[in-house]
Amino acid sequence: MGRLAEWRRVARAYPTAADALLAALVFAVSLLPVNPPGGPPRDPLTAGAVLLAFVGCAALAVRRRYPLPVLGVTLAAAVLALLTHQARGPFVITVAIAAYTVATRTHRRTAFLAGAVSALLLGAAAALTLDVPWLDPAVVVLLLWLGVAVAVGDAVRSRRAYVAVLEEWARWAEQIREEETEAPTEPAPSLNRLDALVEGFSTGQPVRWTVAGQPRPLPSAVDVAAYRIIEESLTNAHKHAPGAAVAVRLRYDPEGVTIEVRDEGGPAAAPGSDAAALPTGARAAGPQQADDGLRAGLGLVGMRERAETVGGAFSAGPRPGGGWLVRAELPAPEEEAE
């Protein structure tokens, strides 16, 4: 257990090197003289078999950065190896690892759809090559590999999300304890103090705010949630898009209040930086959005929880024209205002 924990620590510290090592090990294993379960007799090692094994395994070196493309490459290599009778060793392990990575780094629906398509194509290739029905044990084993990989990956993703929520709650608890200790002199968080909050973030970064509709007193829980969401949004903009213009907009209507915080985005990430190593789904589409993947896991859980706690809705993500947008809709019907 100690060695496993140490390996996990090193892998987290050097993910690219760990994935490259994994790719090399899988490549070596894929050339071993082991037939796929129920497969045809092993053919002599050929240049084509080595090439297909190399392509499929080499793709694993960038599996965290490009999970879906890597799954496509490994799947294509495995299917082609089957159809040309050049599948050697446990070749399907490359597809299983790629499917696991997709499940840990994308939404559940995307992971299950990608896993189902991969299983369909791989199963069809195996059934055609071996001239057996879909329920043949050789085909079923291949499908089970993919099913287990996706299920385990989804479980890992869910656990990571759960841990992130616990850490956020712990941070909140600590913040609340600190606030209860600054309480005699510090006013309670409220939209009435929005001008002071914006002014505090305006040093070195242009921040403007506007109000639409008729401002009115809000229920205390909604008032605090709105203030904290704006505060966290400005903190993220200051950290990930320093110097970029930020716009805060409040809109009151009879049903509640809507918050929008927009910024123009941070500088592009340099090649080889942490931002450049993020998975495709979390990276920005343009040079102004290279920091978007870093924002995806920072502060958004807390803001979403604050909005949903008062019955509201929350969304955040890159803007089509560049930059980042946070939006929260908090219910506060006029007749319930305090």
C-alpha atoms as a PDB file:
ATOM      1  CA  MET A   1       0.000   0.000   0.000  1.00  0.00           C
ATOM      2  CA  GLY A   2       2.878   2.362   0.773  1.00  0.00           C
ATOM      3  CA  ARG A   3       4.423   1.887  -2.653  1.00  0.00           C
ATOM      4  CA  LEU A   4       1.035   2.337  -4.341  1.00  0.00           C
ATOM      5  CA  ALA A   5       0.453   5.607  -2.475  1.00  0.00           C
ATOM      6  CA  GLU A   6       3.943   6.797  -3.428  1.00  0.00           C
ATOM      7  CA  TRP A   7       3.286   5.938  -7.084  1.00  0.00           C
ATOM      8  CA  ARG A   8       0.027   7.876  -7.023  1.00  0.00           C
ATOM      9  CA  ARG A   9       1.782  10.876  -5.503  1.00  0.00           C
ATOM     10  CA  VAL A  10       4.474  10.846  -8.186  1.00  0.00           C
ATOM     11  CA  ALA A  11       1.880  10.339 -10.940  1.00  0.00           C
ATOM     12  CA  ARG A  12      -0.089  13.365  -9.731  1.00  0.00           C
ATOM     13  CA  ALA A  13       3.071  15.455  -9.569  1.00  0.00           C
ATOM     14  CA  TYR A  14       4.294  14.404 -13.050  1.00  0.00           C
ATOM     15  CA  PRO A  15       1.194  13.344 -15.028  1.00  0.00           C
ATOM     16  CA  THR A  16       2.773  13.591 -18.491  1.00  0.00           C
ATOM     17  CA  ALA A  17       5.794  11.485 -17.512  1.00  0.00           C
ATOM     18  CA  ALA A  18       3.534   8.935 -15.813  1.00  0.00           C
ATOM     19  CA  ASP A  19       1.351   8.611 -18.907  1.00  0.00           C
ATOM     20  CA  ALA A  20       4.414   8.255 -21.152  1.00  0.00           C
ATOM     21  CA  LEU A  21       5.688   5.448 -18.926  1.00  0.00           C
ATOM     22  CA  LEU A  22       2.280   3.796 -19.009  1.00  0.00           C
ATOM     23  CA  ALA A  23       2.234   3.998 -22.817  1.00  0.00           C
ATOM     24  CA  ALA A  24       5.683   2.378 -23.014  1.00  0.00           C
ATOM     25  CA  LEU A  25       4.677  -0.460 -20.681  1.00  0.00           C
ATOM     26  CA  VAL A  26       1.455  -1.167 -22.565  1.00  0.00           C
ATOM     27  CA  PHE A  27       3.368  -1.144 -25.861  1.00  0.00           C
ATOM     28  CA  ALA A  28       5.804  -3.715 -24.515  1.00  0.00           C
ATOM     29  CA  VAL A  29       2.958  -5.887 -23.210  1.00  0.00           C
ATOM     30  CA  SER A  30       1.069  -5.600 -26.501  1.00  0.00           C
ATOM     31  CA  LEU A  31       3.945  -7.327 -28.316  1.00  0.00           C
ATOM     32  CA  LEU A  32       4.005 -10.322 -25.995  1.00  0.00           C
ATOM     33  CA  PRO A  33       3.107 -13.691 -27.546  1.00  0.00           C
ATOM     34  CA  VAL A  34      -0.356 -13.873 -25.976  1.00  0.00           C
ATOM     35  CA  ASN A  35      -3.486 -14.415 -28.072  1.00  0.00           C
ATOM     36  CA  PRO A  36      -6.658 -12.385 -27.398  1.00  0.00           C
ATOM     37  CA  PRO A  37      -9.277 -14.482 -25.533  1.00  0.00           C
ATOM     38  CA  GLY A  38     -10.850 -16.854 -28.042  1.00  0.00           C
ATOM     39  CA  GLY A  39      -8.857 -15.273 -30.870  1.00  0.00           C
ATOM     40  CA  PRO A  40      -7.245 -16.886 -33.873  1.00  0.00           C
ATOM     41  CA  PRO A  41      -3.734 -18.390 -33.692  1.00  0.00           C
ATOM     42  CA  ARG A  42      -1.072 -15.737 -33.261  1.00  0.00           C
ATOM     43  CA  ASP A  43       0.590 -14.648 -36.493  1.00  0.00           C
ATOM     44  CA  PRO A  44       4.308 -13.863 -36.622  1.00  0.00           C
ATOM     45  CA  LEU A  45       5.247 -10.355 -35.539  1.00  0.00           C
ATOM     46  CA  THR A  46       5.022  -7.996 -38.528  1.00  0.00           C
ATOM     47  CA  ALA A  47       5.842  -4.374 -39.146  1.00  0.00           C
ATOM     48  CA  GLY A  48       2.135  -3.659 -39.441  1.00  0.00           C
ATOM     49  CA  ALA A  49       1.405  -5.203 -36.044  1.00  0.00           C
ATOM     50  CA  VAL A  50       4.193  -3.196 -34.434  1.00  0.00           C
ATOM     51  CA  LEU A  51       2.979   0.010 -36.094  1.00  0.00           C
ATOM     52  CA  LEU A  52      -0.627  -0.470 -34.962  1.00  0.00           C
ATOM     53  CA  ALA A  53       0.490  -1.313 -31.436  1.00  0.00           C
ATOM     54  CA  PHE A  54       2.772   1.733 -31.363  1.00  0.00           C
ATOM     55  CA  VAL A  55       0.051   4.128 -32.584  1.00  0.00           C
ATOM     56  CA  GLY A  56      -2.520   2.843 -30.122  1.00  0.00           C
ATOM     57  CA  CYS A  57      -0.123   2.877 -27.176  1.00  0.00           C
ATOM     58  CA  ALA A  58       1.611   6.167 -27.991  1.00  0.00           C
ATOM     59  CA  ALA A  59      -1.750   7.960 -27.912  1.00  0.00           C
ATOM     60  CA  LEU A  60      -2.022   7.097 -24.205  1.00  0.00           C
ATOM     61  CA  ALA A  61       0.814   9.526 -23.476  1.00  0.00           C
ATOM     62  CA  VAL A  62      -1.613  12.437 -23.993  1.00  0.00           C
ATOM     63  CA  ARG A  63      -4.776  10.763 -22.706  1.00  0.00           C
ATOM     64  CA  ARG A  64      -5.461  13.368 -20.001  1.00  0.00           C
ATOM     65  CA  ARG A  65      -5.035  16.277 -22.391  1.00  0.00           C
ATOM     66  CA  TYR A  66      -7.131  14.849 -25.246  1.00  0.00           C
ATOM     67  CA  PRO A  67      -9.319  12.075 -23.757  1.00  0.00           C
ATOM     68  CA  LEU A  68     -11.865  11.743 -26.579  1.00  0.00           C
ATOM     69  CA  PRO A  69      -9.354  11.927 -29.493  1.00  0.00           C
ATOM     70  CA  VAL A  70      -7.138   9.392 -27.718  1.00  0.00           C
ATOM     71  CA  LEU A  71     -10.094   7.028 -27.377  1.00  0.00           C
ATOM     72  CA  GLY A  72     -10.741   7.430 -31.099  1.00  0.00           C
ATOM     73  CA  VAL A  73      -7.115   6.658 -32.009  1.00  0.00           C
ATOM     74  CA  THR A  74      -6.840   3.606 -29.755  1.00  0.00           C
ATOM     75  CA  LEU A  75     -10.191   2.298 -30.965  1.00  0.00           C
ATOM     76  CA  ALA A  76      -9.216   2.728 -34.627  1.00  0.00           C
ATOM     77  CA  ALA A  77      -5.901   0.938 -34.045  1.00  0.00           C
ATOM     78  CA  ALA A  78      -7.592  -1.952 -32.222  1.00  0.00           C
ATOM     79  CA  VAL A  79     -10.338  -2.370 -34.837  1.00  0.00           C
ATOM     80  CA  LEU A  80      -7.805  -2.285 -37.675  1.00  0.00           C
ATOM     81  CA  ALA A  81      -5.607  -4.798 -35.851  1.00  0.00           C
ATOM     82  CA  LEU A  82      -8.570  -7.145 -35.512  1.00  0.00           C
ATOM     83  CA  LEU A  83      -9.730  -6.832 -39.104  1.00  0.00           C
ATOM     84  CA  THR A  84      -6.204  -7.416 -40.462  1.00  0.00           C
ATOM     85  CA  HIS A  85      -5.521 -10.321 -38.063  1.00  0.00           C
ATOM     86  CA  GLN A  86      -2.611  -8.438 -36.483  1.00  0.00           C
ATOM     87  CA  ALA A  87      -3.975  -8.088 -32.959  1.00  0.00           C
ATOM     88  CA  ARG A  88      -1.258  -9.218 -30.557  1.00  0.00           C
ATOM     89  CA  GLY A  89      -1.330  -9.543 -26.797  1.00  0.00           C
ATOM     90  CA  PRO A  90      -3.998  -7.786 -24.702  1.00  0.00           C
ATOM     91  CA  PHE A  91      -4.443  -5.079 -27.342  1.00  0.00           C
ATOM     92  CA  VAL A  92      -7.852  -4.075 -26.014  1.00  0.00           C
ATOM     93  CA  ILE A  93      -6.243  -2.689 -22.853  1.00  0.00           C
ATOM     94  CA  THR A  94      -5.364   0.514 -24.735  1.00  0.00           C
ATOM     95  CA  VAL A  95      -9.040   1.109 -25.555  1.00  0.00           C
ATOM     96  CA  ALA A  96     -10.046   0.293 -21.975  1.00  0.00           C
ATOM     97  CA  ILE A  97      -7.529   2.784 -20.538  1.00  0.00           C
ATOM     98  CA  ALA A  98      -8.701   5.468 -22.960  1.00  0.00           C
ATOM     99  CA  ALA A  99     -12.376   4.778 -22.112  1.00  0.00           C
ATOM    100  CA  TYR A 100     -11.549   4.975 -18.398  1.00  0.00           C
ATOM    101  CA  THR A 101      -9.859   8.354 -18.933  1.00  0.00           C
ATOM    102  CA  VAL A 102     -12.871   9.714 -20.826  1.00  0.00           C
ATOM    103  CA  ALA A 103     -15.138   8.637 -17.948  1.00  0.00           C
ATOM    104  CA  THR A 104     -12.958  10.421 -15.366  1.00  0.00           C
ATOM    105  CA  ARG A 105     -12.639  13.688 -17.291  1.00  0.00           C
ATOM    106  CA  THR A 106     -15.989  14.238 -19.055  1.00  0.00           C
ATOM    107  CA  HIS A 107     -19.666  14.253 -18.213  1.00  0.00           C
ATOM    108  CA  ARG A 108     -21.336  10.927 -17.488  1.00  0.00           C
ATOM    109  CA  ARG A 109     -23.505  11.105 -20.608  1.00  0.00           C
ATOM    110  CA  THR A 110     -20.470  11.715 -22.825  1.00  0.00           C
ATOM    111  CA  ALA A 111     -18.551   8.866 -21.204  1.00  0.00           C
ATOM    112  CA  PHE A 112     -21.379   6.355 -21.535  1.00  0.00           C
ATOM    113  CA  LEU A 113     -22.056   7.333 -25.142  1.00  0.00           C
ATOM    114  CA  ALA A 114     -18.367   7.087 -26.066  1.00  0.00           C
ATOM    115  CA  GLY A 115     -18.120   3.742 -24.277  1.00  0.00           C
ATOM    116  CA  ALA A 116     -21.198   2.369 -26.044  1.00  0.00           C
ATOM    117  CA  VAL A 117     -19.958   3.417 -29.488  1.00  0.00           C
ATOM    118  CA  SER A 118     -16.528   1.940 -28.774  1.00  0.00           C
ATOM    119  CA  ALA A 119     -18.042  -1.335 -27.591  1.00  0.00           C
ATOM    120  CA  LEU A 120     -20.267  -1.528 -30.679  1.00  0.00           C
ATOM    121  CA  LEU A 121     -17.388  -1.007 -33.105  1.00  0.00           C
ATOM    122  CA  LEU A 122     -14.946  -3.239 -31.264  1.00  0.00           C
ATOM    123  CA  GLY A 123     -17.514  -5.992 -30.827  1.00  0.00           C
ATOM    124  CA  ALA A 124     -18.498  -5.866 -34.481  1.00  0.00           C
ATOM    125  CA  ALA A 125     -14.866  -6.086 -35.567  1.00  0.00           C
ATOM    126  CA  ALA A 126     -14.236  -9.046 -33.254  1.00  0.00           C
ATOM    127  CA  ALA A 127     -17.370 -10.898 -34.374  1.00  0.00           C
ATOM    128  CA  LEU A 128     -16.519 -10.325 -38.030  1.00  0.00           C
ATOM    129  CA  THR A 129     -12.877 -11.340 -37.658  1.00  0.00           C
ATOM    130  CA  LEU A 130     -13.576 -14.461 -35.602  1.00  0.00           C
ATOM    131  CA  ASP A 131     -16.753 -15.301 -37.551  1.00  0.00           C
ATOM    132  CA  VAL A 132     -18.701 -15.773 -34.325  1.00  0.00           C
ATOM    133  CA  PRO A 133     -22.001 -14.356 -32.982  1.00  0.00           C
ATOM    134  CA  TRP A 134     -22.129 -11.353 -30.654  1.00  0.00           C
ATOM    135  CA  LEU A 135     -22.705 -13.570 -27.611  1.00  0.00           C
ATOM    136  CA  ASP A 136     -19.561 -15.578 -28.217  1.00  0.00           C
ATOM    137  CA  PRO A 137     -17.312 -15.490 -25.105  1.00  0.00           C
ATOM    138  CA  ALA A 138     -14.476 -13.865 -27.072  1.00  0.00           C
ATOM    139  CA  VAL A 139     -16.714 -10.916 -28.012  1.00  0.00           C
ATOM    140  CA  VAL A 140     -18.327 -10.698 -24.589  1.00  0.00           C
ATOM    141  CA  VAL A 141     -14.904 -10.468 -22.905  1.00  0.00           C
ATOM    142  CA  LEU A 142     -13.970  -7.495 -25.082  1.00  0.00           C
ATOM    143  CA  LEU A 143     -17.226  -5.726 -24.264  1.00  0.00           C
ATOM    144  CA  LEU A 144     -16.792  -6.409 -20.553  1.00  0.00           C
ATOM    145  CA  TRP A 145     -13.354  -4.781 -20.636  1.00  0.00           C
ATOM    146  CA  LEU A 146     -14.886  -1.562 -21.918  1.00  0.00           C
ATOM    147  CA  GLY A 147     -17.912  -1.702 -19.626  1.00  0.00           C
ATOM    148  CA  VAL A 148     -15.798  -2.153 -16.514  1.00  0.00           C
ATOM    149  CA  ALA A 149     -13.386   0.597 -17.605  1.00  0.00           C
ATOM    150  CA  VAL A 150     -16.191   3.137 -18.072  1.00  0.00           C
ATOM    151  CA  ALA A 151     -17.895   2.139 -14.811  1.00  0.00           C
ATOM    152  CA  VAL A 152     -14.687   2.441 -12.790  1.00  0.00           C
ATOM    153  CA  GLY A 153     -13.833   5.759 -14.429  1.00  0.00           C
ATOM    154  CA  ASP A 154     -17.296   7.141 -13.647  1.00  0.00           C
ATOM    155  CA  ALA A 155     -16.950   6.043 -10.021  1.00  0.00           C
ATOM    156  CA  VAL A 156     -13.573   7.803  -9.775  1.00  0.00           C
ATOM    157  CA  ARG A 157     -15.024  10.993 -11.272  1.00  0.00           C
ATOM    158  CA  SER A 158     -17.958  10.923  -8.827  1.00  0.00           C
ATOM    159  CA  ARG A 159     -15.623  10.417  -5.879  1.00  0.00           C
ATOM    160  CA  ARG A 160     -13.434  13.323  -6.960  1.00  0.00           C
ATOM    161  CA  ALA A 161     -16.494  15.558  -7.224  1.00  0.00           C
ATOM    162  CA  TYR A 162     -17.641  14.446  -3.774  1.00  0.00           C
ATOM    163  CA  VAL A 163     -14.227  15.184  -2.266  1.00  0.00           C
ATOM    164  CA  ALA A 164     -14.224  18.599  -3.947  1.00  0.00           C
ATOM    165  CA  VAL A 165     -17.587  19.410  -2.342  1.00  0.00           C
ATOM    166  CA  LEU A 166     -16.315  18.314   1.083  1.00  0.00           C
ATOM    167  CA  GLU A 167     -13.220  20.485   0.693  1.00  0.00           C
ATOM    168  CA  GLU A 168     -15.390  23.423  -0.324  1.00  0.00           C
ATOM    169  CA  TRP A 169     -17.633  22.938   2.684  1.00  0.00           C
ATOM    170  CA  ALA A 170     -14.576  22.791   4.929  1.00  0.00           C
ATOM    171  CA  ARG A 171     -13.334  26.038   3.414  1.00  0.00           C
ATOM    172  CA  TRP A 172     -16.736  27.607   4.029  1.00  0.00           C
ATOM    173  CA  ALA A 173     -16.738  26.456   7.631  1.00  0.00           C
ATOM    174  CA  GLU A 174     -13.317  27.974   8.185  1.00  0.00           C
ATOM    175  CA  GLN A 175     -14.391  31.197   6.509  1.00  0.00           C
ATOM    176  CA  ILE A 176     -17.534  31.364   8.632  1.00  0.00           C
ATOM    177  CA  ARG A 177     -15.472  30.869  11.796  1.00  0.00           C
ATOM    178  CA  GLU A 178     -13.153  33.661  10.736  1.00  0.00           C
ATOM    179  CA  GLU A 179     -16.088  35.939   9.895  1.00  0.00           C
ATOM    180  CA  GLU A 180     -17.723  35.278  13.227  1.00  0.00           C
ATOM    181  CA  THR A 181     -14.378  36.249  14.907  1.00  0.00           C
ATOM    182  CA  GLU A 182     -14.330  39.930  12.450  1.00  0.00           C
ATOM    183  CA  ALA A 183     -18.137  40.291  13.358  1.00  0.00           C
ATOM    184  CA  PRO A 184     -18.108  43.210  15.875  1.00  0.00           C
ATOM    185  CA  THR A 185     -16.569  45.587  13.334  1.00  0.00           C
ATOM    186  CA  GLU A 186     -17.293  44.098   9.899  1.00  0.00           C
ATOM    187  CA  PRO A 187     -20.782  44.626   8.385  1.00  0.00           C
ATOM    188  CA  ALA A 188     -22.675  41.547   7.229  1.00  0.00           C
ATOM    189  CA  PRO A 189     -22.358  40.619   3.528  1.00  0.00           C
ATOM    190  CA  SER A 190     -25.118  42.347   1.548  1.00  0.00           C
ATOM    191  CA  LEU A 191     -25.762  43.804  -1.887  1.00  0.00           C
ATOM    192  CA  ASN A 192     -26.031  47.135  -0.082  1.00  0.00           C
ATOM    193  CA  ARG A 193     -22.226  46.956   0.181  1.00  0.00           C
ATOM    194  CA  LEU A 194     -21.674  46.111  -3.499  1.00  0.00           C
ATOM    195  CA  ASP A 195     -20.064  49.473  -4.246  1.00  0.00           C
ATOM    196  CA  ALA A 196     -17.436  48.899  -1.554  1.00  0.00           C
ATOM    197  CA  LEU A 197     -16.834  45.350  -2.799  1.00  0.00           C
ATOM    198  CA  VAL A 198     -16.324  46.499  -6.388  1.00  0.00           C
ATOM    199  CA  GLU A 199     -14.081  49.340  -5.284  1.00  0.00           C
ATOM    200  CA  GLY A 200     -11.886  46.872  -3.410  1.00  0.00           C
ATOM    201  CA  PHE A 201     -11.297  44.895  -6.632  1.00  0.00           C
ATOM    202  CA  SER A 202     -10.859  47.933  -8.880  1.00  0.00           C
ATOM    203  CA  THR A 203      -7.197  48.482  -8.004  1.00  0.00           C
ATOM    204  CA  GLY A 204      -5.242  47.454 -11.095  1.00  0.00           C
ATOM    205  CA  GLN A 205      -8.318  45.992 -12.799  1.00  0.00           C
ATOM    206  CA  PRO A 206     -11.197  47.977 -14.331  1.00  0.00           C
ATOM    207  CA  VAL A 207     -14.495  46.857 -12.795  1.00  0.00           C
ATOM    208  CA  ARG A 208     -17.839  48.442 -13.585  1.00  0.00           C
ATOM    209  CA  TRP A 209     -21.262  47.505 -12.300  1.00  0.00           C
ATOM    210  CA  THR A 210     -24.790  48.322 -13.333  1.00  0.00           C
ATOM    211  CA  VAL A 211     -28.224  47.706 -11.870  1.00  0.00           C
ATOM    212  CA  ALA A 212     -31.400  47.125 -13.875  1.00  0.00           C
ATOM    213  CA  GLY A 213     -34.888  47.132 -12.421  1.00  0.00           C
ATOM    214  CA  GLN A 214     -35.922  48.516  -9.050  1.00  0.00           C
ATOM    215  CA  PRO A 215     -33.570  47.506  -6.197  1.00  0.00           C
ATOM    216  CA  ARG A 216     -35.403  46.254  -3.113  1.00  0.00           C
ATOM    217  CA  PRO A 217     -34.638  44.417   0.118  1.00  0.00           C
ATOM    218  CA  LEU A 218     -34.062  40.695  -0.394  1.00  0.00           C
ATOM    219  CA  PRO A 219     -34.398  37.754   2.004  1.00  0.00           C
ATOM    220  CA  SER A 220     -31.196  37.596   4.024  1.00  0.00           C
ATOM    221  CA  ALA A 221     -30.142  34.199   2.638  1.00  0.00           C
ATOM    222  CA  VAL A 222     -30.557  35.412  -0.951  1.00  0.00           C
ATOM    223  CA  ASP A 223     -28.811  38.696  -0.182  1.00  0.00           C
ATOM    224  CA  VAL A 224     -25.765  36.942   1.281  1.00  0.00           C
ATOM    225  CA  ALA A 225     -25.664  34.353  -1.530  1.00  0.00           C
ATOM    226  CA  ALA A 226     -25.752  37.092  -4.186  1.00  0.00           C
ATOM    227  CA  TYR A 227     -22.960  39.035  -2.489  1.00  0.00           C
ATOM    228  CA  ARG A 228     -20.747  35.958  -2.081  1.00  0.00           C
ATOM    229  CA  ILE A 229     -21.263  34.857  -5.692  1.00  0.00           C
ATOM    230  CA  ILE A 230     -20.181  38.284  -6.932  1.00  0.00           C
ATOM    231  CA  GLU A 231     -17.251  38.311  -4.523  1.00  0.00           C
ATOM    232  CA  GLU A 232     -16.031  34.862  -5.638  1.00  0.00           C
ATOM    233  CA  SER A 233     -16.513  35.794  -9.320  1.00  0.00           C
ATOM    234  CA  LEU A 234     -14.398  38.923  -8.895  1.00  0.00           C
ATOM    235  CA  THR A 235     -11.764  36.913  -7.009  1.00  0.00           C
ATOM    236  CA  ASN A 236     -11.529  34.397  -9.864  1.00  0.00           C
ATOM    237  CA  ALA A 237     -11.355  37.170 -12.474  1.00  0.00           C
ATOM    238  CA  HIS A 238      -8.593  38.912 -10.511  1.00  0.00           C
ATOM    239  CA  LYS A 239      -6.643  35.669 -10.204  1.00  0.00           C
ATOM    240  CA  HIS A 240      -7.118  34.176 -13.682  1.00  0.00           C
ATOM    241  CA  ALA A 241      -7.610  37.284 -15.835  1.00  0.00           C
ATOM    242  CA  PRO A 242      -5.489  39.982 -14.161  1.00  0.00           C
ATOM    243  CA  GLY A 243      -5.921  43.380 -15.743  1.00  0.00           C
ATOM    244  CA  ALA A 244      -8.911  42.322 -17.886  1.00  0.00           C
ATOM    245  CA  ALA A 245     -12.021  44.484 -17.785  1.00  0.00           C
ATOM    246  CA  VAL A 246     -14.815  43.051 -15.617  1.00  0.00           C
ATOM    247  CA  ALA A 247     -18.510  43.914 -15.789  1.00  0.00           C
ATOM    248  CA  VAL A 248     -20.966  43.150 -12.965  1.00  0.00           C
ATOM    249  CA  ARG A 249     -24.675  43.394 -13.749  1.00  0.00           C
ATOM    250  CA  LEU A 250     -27.610  43.049 -11.362  1.00  0.00           C
ATOM    251  CA  ARG A 251     -31.165  42.802 -12.623  1.00  0.00           C
ATOM    252  CA  TYR A 252     -34.145  42.939 -10.265  1.00  0.00           C
ATOM    253  CA  ASP A 253     -37.526  41.657 -11.387  1.00  0.00           C
ATOM    254  CA  PRO A 254     -40.689  40.591  -9.553  1.00  0.00           C
ATOM    255  CA  GLU A 255     -39.428  37.004  -9.284  1.00  0.00           C
ATOM    256  CA  GLY A 256     -35.954  37.658  -7.934  1.00  0.00           C
ATOM    257  CA  VAL A 257     -32.510  38.893  -8.907  1.00  0.00           C
ATOM    258  CA  THR A 258     -30.156  37.857 -11.722  1.00  0.00           C
ATOM    259  CA  ILE A 259     -26.371  38.227 -11.441  1.00  0.00           C
ATOM    260  CA  GLU A 260     -23.936  38.320 -14.351  1.00  0.00           C
ATOM    261  CA  VAL A 261     -20.176  38.789 -13.995  1.00  0.00           C
ATOM    262  CA  ARG A 262     -18.211  38.945 -17.244  1.00  0.00           C
ATOM    263  CA  ASP A 263     -14.524  39.415 -17.931  1.00  0.00           C
ATOM    264  CA  GLU A 264     -12.461  39.629 -21.126  1.00  0.00           C
ATOM    265  CA  GLY A 265     -10.244  36.660 -20.268  1.00  0.00           C
ATOM    266  CA  GLY A 266      -6.656  36.138 -19.244  1.00  0.00           C
ATOM    267  CA  PRO A 267      -3.446  35.828 -21.295  1.00  0.00           C
ATOM    268  CA  ALA A 268      -2.723  32.735 -23.376  1.00  0.00           C
ATOM    269  CA  ALA A 269      -0.959  29.880 -21.618  1.00  0.00           C
ATOM    270  CA  ALA A 270       2.582  29.110 -22.696  1.00  0.00           C
ATOM    271  CA  PRO A 271       3.277  25.711 -24.289  1.00  0.00           C
ATOM    272  CA  GLY A 272       4.053  23.122 -21.642  1.00  0.00           C
ATOM    273  CA  SER A 273       2.282  25.058 -18.881  1.00  0.00           C
ATOM    274  CA  ASP A 274      -0.352  23.534 -16.620  1.00  0.00           C
ATOM    275  CA  ALA A 275      -3.139  25.263 -18.568  1.00  0.00           C
ATOM    276  CA  ALA A 276      -1.856  23.823 -21.823  1.00  0.00           C
ATOM    277  CA  ALA A 277      -1.938  20.350 -20.310  1.00  0.00           C
ATOM    278  CA  LEU A 278      -5.637  20.408 -19.496  1.00  0.00           C
ATOM    279  CA  PRO A 279      -8.080  18.054 -21.253  1.00  0.00           C
ATOM    280  CA  THR A 280      -9.709  19.293 -24.413  1.00  0.00           C
ATOM    281  CA  GLY A 281     -13.137  19.640 -22.852  1.00  0.00           C
ATOM    282  CA  ALA A 282     -11.784  21.996 -20.182  1.00  0.00           C
ATOM    283  CA  ARG A 283      -9.519  24.135 -22.343  1.00  0.00           C
ATOM    284  CA  ALA A 284     -10.394  27.402 -23.913  1.00  0.00           C
ATOM    285  CA  ALA A 285     -11.282  27.804 -27.555  1.00  0.00           C
ATOM    286  CA  GLY A 286      -9.122  30.872 -28.165  1.00  0.00           C
ATOM    287  CA  PRO A 287      -5.927  32.493 -26.882  1.00  0.00           C
ATOM    288  CA  GLN A 288      -7.809  34.777 -24.508  1.00  0.00           C
ATOM    289  CA  GLN A 289      -9.418  31.749 -22.857  1.00  0.00           C
ATOM    290  CA  ALA A 290      -6.348  29.649 -22.061  1.00  0.00           C
ATOM    291  CA  ASP A 291      -7.080  30.039 -18.354  1.00  0.00           C
ATOM    292  CA  ASP A 292     -10.639  28.671 -18.586  1.00  0.00           C
ATOM    293  CA  GLY A 293      -9.667  25.114 -17.745  1.00  0.00           C
ATOM    294  CA  LEU A 294      -7.976  26.308 -14.530  1.00  0.00           C
ATOM    295  CA  ARG A 295     -11.120  28.131 -13.493  1.00  0.00           C
ATOM    296  CA  ALA A 296     -13.316  25.084 -14.054  1.00  0.00           C
ATOM    297  CA  GLY A 297     -12.443  23.541 -10.698  1.00  0.00           C
ATOM    298  CA  LEU A 298     -11.843  26.668  -8.579  1.00  0.00           C
ATOM    299  CA  GLY A 299     -14.682  28.331  -6.686  1.00  0.00           C
ATOM    300  CA  LEU A 300     -17.442  27.162  -9.023  1.00  0.00           C
ATOM    301  CA  VAL A 301     -18.590  24.400  -6.680  1.00  0.00           C
ATOM    302  CA  GLY A 302     -19.062  26.904  -3.885  1.00  0.00           C
ATOM    303  CA  MET A 303     -20.942  29.400  -6.042  1.00  0.00           C
ATOM    304  CA  ARG A 304     -23.205  26.697  -7.427  1.00  0.00           C
ATOM    305  CA  GLU A 305     -23.962  25.420  -3.921  1.00  0.00           C
ATOM    306  CA  ARG A 306     -24.794  28.929  -2.710  1.00  0.00           C
ATOM    307  CA  ALA A 307     -27.223  29.461  -5.601  1.00  0.00           C
ATOM    308  CA  GLU A 308     -28.885  26.055  -5.275  1.00  0.00           C
ATOM    309  CA  THR A 309     -29.193  26.380  -1.481  1.00  0.00           C
ATOM    310  CA  VAL A 310     -31.631  29.272  -1.945  1.00  0.00           C
ATOM    311  CA  GLY A 311     -33.435  27.515  -4.833  1.00  0.00           C
ATOM    312  CA  GLY A 312     -31.620  29.327  -7.616  1.00  0.00           C
ATOM    313  CA  ALA A 313     -29.801  28.337 -10.801  1.00  0.00           C
ATOM    314  CA  PHE A 314     -26.115  28.780 -11.629  1.00  0.00           C
ATOM    315  CA  SER A 315     -23.961  28.513 -14.731  1.00  0.00           C
ATOM    316  CA  ALA A 316     -20.387  29.464 -15.605  1.00  0.00           C
ATOM    317  CA  GLY A 317     -18.147  29.003 -18.599  1.00  0.00           C
ATOM    318  CA  PRO A 318     -16.184  30.606 -21.425  1.00  0.00           C
ATOM    319  CA  ARG A 319     -17.899  33.243 -23.551  1.00  0.00           C
ATOM    320  CA  PRO A 320     -18.067  32.724 -27.341  1.00  0.00           C
ATOM    321  CA  GLY A 321     -16.194  35.960 -27.955  1.00  0.00           C
ATOM    322  CA  GLY A 322     -13.554  35.319 -25.324  1.00  0.00           C
ATOM    323  CA  GLY A 323     -13.428  35.654 -21.568  1.00  0.00           C
ATOM    324  CA  TRP A 324     -15.566  34.118 -18.848  1.00  0.00           C
ATOM    325  CA  LEU A 325     -19.193  34.509 -17.762  1.00  0.00           C
ATOM    326  CA  VAL A 326     -20.775  33.674 -14.407  1.00  0.00           C
ATOM    327  CA  ARG A 327     -24.565  33.819 -14.190  1.00  0.00           C
ATOM    328  CA  ALA A 328     -26.843  33.159 -11.227  1.00  0.00           C
ATOM    329  CA  GLU A 329     -30.622  33.465 -10.974  1.00  0.00           C
ATOM    330  CA  LEU A 330     -31.796  33.717  -7.358  1.00  0.00           C
ATOM    331  CA  PRO A 331     -35.520  33.586  -6.560  1.00  0.00           C
ATOM    332  CA  ALA A 332     -36.901  36.320  -4.305  1.00  0.00           C
ATOM    333  CA  PRO A 333     -40.577  37.092  -5.051  1.00  0.00           C
ATOM    334  CA  GLU A 334     -41.531  40.573  -3.996  1.00  0.00           C
ATOM    335  CA  GLU A 335     -44.120  39.399  -1.461  1.00  0.00           C
ATOM    336  CA  GLU A 336     -41.434  37.339   0.342  1.00  0.00           C
ATOM    337  CA  ALA A 337     -38.866  40.126   0.575  1.00  0.00           C
ATOM    338  CA  GLU A 338     -37.901  41.033   4.094  1.00  0.00           C
END
